[in-house]
Amino acid sequence: YVSTVTAPDTTRARRVSGPPLRGAPVSRGRDADTSGAMSRSVTSALTKALALIVLAAAAWFVLKLALNVVAGVAWAVAGVLVLLAVLWALGTLRR
């Protein structure tokens, strides 16, 4: 005599607890919706704060770059003026 009793099907495990699967509908209570909205609002505020920091850093960098370019041009002009002054002084002393 051979027994025909089979073991329960364990190939398809049932999900009992844990987060819902992707794409699965989620039923949440009123408190969960409120905390989700608060989480989104905090994330949005942090994202905006980070954007402001990035803009401030970029503005500081551009300002520093522009001031350095102006300073470089001023030094070049000053150098040319000093060279012209030396040439003028040497020419005046030779006469």
C-alpha atoms as a PDB file:
ATOM      1  CA  TYR A   1       0.000   0.000   0.000  1.00  0.00           C
ATOM      2  CA  VAL A   2       1.366   3.414  -1.048  1.00  0.00           C
ATOM      3  CA  SER A   3       0.233   6.571   0.729  1.00  0.00           C
ATOM      4  CA  THR A   4      -1.256   9.274  -1.463  1.00  0.00           C
ATOM      5  CA  VAL A   5      -1.027  12.000   1.141  1.00  0.00           C
ATOM      6  CA  THR A   6       0.994  14.887  -0.192  1.00  0.00           C
ATOM      7  CA  ALA A   7       2.799  17.638   1.622  1.00  0.00           C
ATOM      8  CA  PRO A   8       1.296  21.126   1.542  1.00  0.00           C
ATOM      9  CA  ASP A   9       2.363  23.305  -1.387  1.00  0.00           C
ATOM     10  CA  THR A  10       5.295  25.399  -0.130  1.00  0.00           C
ATOM     11  CA  THR A  11       6.425  26.716  -3.485  1.00  0.00           C
ATOM     12  CA  ARG A  12       4.234  29.809  -3.174  1.00  0.00           C
ATOM     13  CA  ALA A  13       4.936  31.460   0.154  1.00  0.00           C
ATOM     14  CA  ARG A  14       2.278  33.812   1.414  1.00  0.00           C
ATOM     15  CA  ARG A  15       3.359  37.279   2.500  1.00  0.00           C
ATOM     16  CA  VAL A  16       2.090  37.821   6.025  1.00  0.00           C
ATOM     17  CA  SER A  17       3.812  41.013   7.175  1.00  0.00           C
ATOM     18  CA  GLY A  18       6.241  43.664   5.970  1.00  0.00           C
ATOM     19  CA  PRO A  19       5.997  46.476   3.460  1.00  0.00           C
ATOM     20  CA  PRO A  20       3.667  46.040   0.501  1.00  0.00           C
ATOM     21  CA  LEU A  21       5.022  44.819  -2.787  1.00  0.00           C
ATOM     22  CA  ARG A  22       5.700  47.322  -5.539  1.00  0.00           C
ATOM     23  CA  GLY A  23       2.577  48.269  -7.401  1.00  0.00           C
ATOM     24  CA  ALA A  24       0.337  46.681  -4.781  1.00  0.00           C
ATOM     25  CA  PRO A  25      -2.464  48.886  -3.480  1.00  0.00           C
ATOM     26  CA  VAL A  26      -1.764  50.186  -0.022  1.00  0.00           C
ATOM     27  CA  SER A  27      -4.456  50.894   2.518  1.00  0.00           C
ATOM     28  CA  ARG A  28      -3.351  53.362   5.121  1.00  0.00           C
ATOM     29  CA  GLY A  29      -5.148  55.146   7.871  1.00  0.00           C
ATOM     30  CA  ARG A  30      -5.594  58.891   8.257  1.00  0.00           C
ATOM     31  CA  ASP A  31      -2.405  59.239  10.357  1.00  0.00           C
ATOM     32  CA  ALA A  32      -0.269  57.531   7.743  1.00  0.00           C
ATOM     33  CA  ASP A  33      -1.500  59.960   5.071  1.00  0.00           C
ATOM     34  CA  THR A  34      -0.679  62.924   7.325  1.00  0.00           C
ATOM     35  CA  SER A  35       2.848  61.677   8.070  1.00  0.00           C
ATOM     36  CA  GLY A  36       3.395  61.011   4.360  1.00  0.00           C
ATOM     37  CA  ALA A  37       2.380  64.578   3.526  1.00  0.00           C
ATOM     38  CA  MET A  38       4.636  65.890   6.287  1.00  0.00           C
ATOM     39  CA  SER A  39       7.487  63.745   4.991  1.00  0.00           C
ATOM     40  CA  ARG A  40       6.986  65.094   1.464  1.00  0.00           C
ATOM     41  CA  SER A  41       6.844  68.659   2.782  1.00  0.00           C
ATOM     42  CA  VAL A  42      10.056  68.217   4.814  1.00  0.00           C
ATOM     43  CA  THR A  43      11.769  66.610   1.818  1.00  0.00           C
ATOM     44  CA  SER A  44      10.619  69.484  -0.375  1.00  0.00           C
ATOM     45  CA  ALA A  45      11.875  72.056   2.138  1.00  0.00           C
ATOM     46  CA  LEU A  46      15.248  70.305   2.412  1.00  0.00           C
ATOM     47  CA  THR A  47      15.511  70.121  -1.376  1.00  0.00           C
ATOM     48  CA  LYS A  48      14.787  73.845  -1.661  1.00  0.00           C
ATOM     49  CA  ALA A  49      17.314  74.628   1.091  1.00  0.00           C
ATOM     50  CA  LEU A  50      19.945  72.580  -0.737  1.00  0.00           C
ATOM     51  CA  ALA A  51      19.114  74.404  -3.983  1.00  0.00           C
ATOM     52  CA  LEU A  52      19.572  77.756  -2.215  1.00  0.00           C
ATOM     53  CA  ILE A  53      22.932  76.642  -0.838  1.00  0.00           C
ATOM     54  CA  VAL A  54      24.068  75.532  -4.295  1.00  0.00           C
ATOM     55  CA  LEU A  55      22.933  78.844  -5.824  1.00  0.00           C
ATOM     56  CA  ALA A  56      24.685  80.840  -3.100  1.00  0.00           C
ATOM     57  CA  ALA A  57      27.911  78.876  -3.625  1.00  0.00           C
ATOM     58  CA  ALA A  58      27.701  79.352  -7.398  1.00  0.00           C
ATOM     59  CA  ALA A  59      27.050  83.087  -6.996  1.00  0.00           C
ATOM     60  CA  TRP A  60      30.023  83.389  -4.611  1.00  0.00           C
ATOM     61  CA  PHE A  61      32.246  81.512  -7.065  1.00  0.00           C
ATOM     62  CA  VAL A  62      31.169  83.680 -10.032  1.00  0.00           C
ATOM     63  CA  LEU A  63      31.643  86.874  -7.997  1.00  0.00           C
ATOM     64  CA  LYS A  64      35.097  85.747  -6.868  1.00  0.00           C
ATOM     65  CA  LEU A  65      35.998  84.808 -10.447  1.00  0.00           C
ATOM     66  CA  ALA A  66      34.783  88.156 -11.805  1.00  0.00           C
ATOM     67  CA  LEU A  67      36.695  90.094  -9.142  1.00  0.00           C
ATOM     68  CA  ASN A  68      39.852  88.102  -9.864  1.00  0.00           C
ATOM     69  CA  VAL A  69      39.507  88.798 -13.599  1.00  0.00           C
ATOM     70  CA  VAL A  70      39.086  92.530 -12.884  1.00  0.00           C
ATOM     71  CA  ALA A  71      42.077  92.436 -10.524  1.00  0.00           C
ATOM     72  CA  GLY A  72      44.141  90.587 -13.155  1.00  0.00           C
ATOM     73  CA  VAL A  73      43.297  93.173 -15.811  1.00  0.00           C
ATOM     74  CA  ALA A  74      44.135  95.967 -13.354  1.00  0.00           C
ATOM     75  CA  TRP A  75      47.534  94.377 -12.604  1.00  0.00           C
ATOM     76  CA  ALA A  76      48.232  93.984 -16.337  1.00  0.00           C
ATOM     77  CA  VAL A  77      47.345  97.647 -16.970  1.00  0.00           C
ATOM     78  CA  ALA A  78      49.481  98.692 -13.986  1.00  0.00           C
ATOM     79  CA  GLY A  79      52.385  96.634 -15.318  1.00  0.00           C
ATOM     80  CA  VAL A  80      52.139  98.222 -18.764  1.00  0.00           C
ATOM     81  CA  LEU A  81      51.954 101.689 -17.182  1.00  0.00           C
ATOM     82  CA  VAL A  82      55.040 100.962 -15.059  1.00  0.00           C
ATOM     83  CA  LEU A  83      56.929  99.747 -18.127  1.00  0.00           C
ATOM     84  CA  LEU A  84      55.941 102.877 -20.071  1.00  0.00           C
ATOM     85  CA  ALA A  85      56.956 105.050 -17.106  1.00  0.00           C
ATOM     86  CA  VAL A  86      60.382 103.358 -16.918  1.00  0.00           C
ATOM     87  CA  LEU A  87      60.908 103.780 -20.666  1.00  0.00           C
ATOM     88  CA  TRP A  88      59.880 107.444 -20.460  1.00  0.00           C
ATOM     89  CA  ALA A  89      62.201 108.041 -17.476  1.00  0.00           C
ATOM     90  CA  LEU A  90      65.166 106.382 -19.252  1.00  0.00           C
ATOM     91  CA  GLY A  91      64.495 108.405 -22.407  1.00  0.00           C
ATOM     92  CA  THR A  92      64.298 111.635 -20.409  1.00  0.00           C
ATOM     93  CA  LEU A  93      67.554 110.924 -18.571  1.00  0.00           C
ATOM     94  CA  ARG A  94      69.464 110.207 -21.816  1.00  0.00           C
ATOM     95  CA  ARG A  95      68.726 113.603 -23.325  1.00  0.00           C
END
